[in-house]
């Protein structure tokens, strides 16, 4: 699954959970940065990384963010 497709698919899940657009934007930016860094690590060192796991982990890095605002 490519990065953009994964982020779009998870965006639907984040919206359905009730996260605000601002929180979704924040989480998406964190995921994009995490994937960028992981990509550099992978290409620079040859280390095999699960990019899908990195992206999803970054998207869902702050599950209390939404809950604390309710």
Protein backbone atom coordinates (compact mmCIF):
# COMPACT_ATOMS: atom_id res chain seq x y z
CA UNK A 1 0.00 0.00 0.00
CA UNK A 2 1.49 3.37 -0.93
CA UNK A 3 1.80 6.14 1.62
CA UNK A 4 -0.93 8.39 0.21
CA UNK A 5 -3.44 5.52 -0.03
CA UNK A 6 -2.70 4.44 3.55
CA UNK A 7 -3.09 7.97 4.88
CA UNK A 8 -6.38 8.47 3.02
CA UNK A 9 -7.77 5.16 4.26
CA UNK A 10 -6.86 5.93 7.87
CA UNK A 11 -8.19 9.49 7.50
CA UNK A 12 -11.65 7.98 7.07
CA UNK A 13 -11.19 5.99 10.27
CA UNK A 14 -10.00 9.07 12.17
CA UNK A 15 -13.01 11.10 10.97
CA UNK A 16 -15.44 8.35 11.92
CA UNK A 17 -13.94 8.30 15.43
CA UNK A 18 -14.93 11.95 15.84
CA UNK A 19 -11.51 13.59 15.58
CA UNK A 20 -11.55 17.22 14.52
CA UNK A 21 -10.13 18.28 11.17
CA UNK A 22 -7.31 20.07 13.00
CA UNK A 23 -6.35 16.92 14.91
CA UNK A 24 -6.51 14.84 11.73
CA UNK A 25 -4.28 17.36 9.96
CA UNK A 26 -1.82 17.21 12.85
CA UNK A 27 -1.77 13.40 12.87
CA UNK A 28 -1.33 13.27 9.09
CA UNK A 29 1.59 15.69 9.25
CA UNK A 30 3.22 13.60 11.98
CA UNK A 31 2.74 10.46 9.86
CA UNK A 32 4.20 12.09 6.76
CA UNK A 33 7.27 13.23 8.71
CA UNK A 34 7.69 9.81 10.35
CA UNK A 35 7.50 8.12 6.95
CA UNK A 36 10.02 10.58 5.52
CA UNK A 37 12.47 9.87 8.34
CA UNK A 38 11.90 6.11 8.14
CA UNK A 39 12.48 6.24 4.39
CA UNK A 40 15.81 7.98 4.89
CA UNK A 41 16.84 5.42 7.50
CA UNK A 42 15.84 2.57 5.22
CA UNK A 43 17.67 3.90 2.18
CA UNK A 44 20.72 5.05 4.12
CA UNK A 45 21.31 1.91 6.12
CA UNK A 46 19.50 -0.78 4.17
CA UNK A 47 17.50 -1.60 7.28
CA UNK A 48 14.16 -3.19 6.50
CA UNK A 49 11.33 -1.19 8.04
CA UNK A 50 7.59 -1.80 8.02
CA UNK A 51 6.55 1.52 6.51
CA UNK A 52 2.86 0.79 6.97
CA UNK A 53 3.43 0.24 10.70
CA UNK A 54 5.46 3.46 10.93
CA UNK A 55 2.73 5.45 9.19
CA UNK A 56 -0.14 4.02 11.19
CA UNK A 57 1.74 4.32 14.45
CA UNK A 58 2.34 7.99 13.73
CA UNK A 59 -1.29 8.59 12.74
CA UNK A 60 -2.54 7.09 15.97
CA UNK A 61 0.26 8.47 18.16
CA UNK A 62 -2.02 10.50 20.39
CA UNK A 63 -5.30 8.66 20.96
CA UNK A 64 -6.18 10.75 24.02
CA UNK A 65 -5.98 14.01 22.06
CA UNK A 66 -9.59 13.73 20.89
CA UNK A 67 -10.93 12.19 24.11
CA UNK A 68 -9.41 14.91 26.33
CA UNK A 69 -11.26 17.63 24.41
CA UNK A 70 -14.70 16.16 24.83
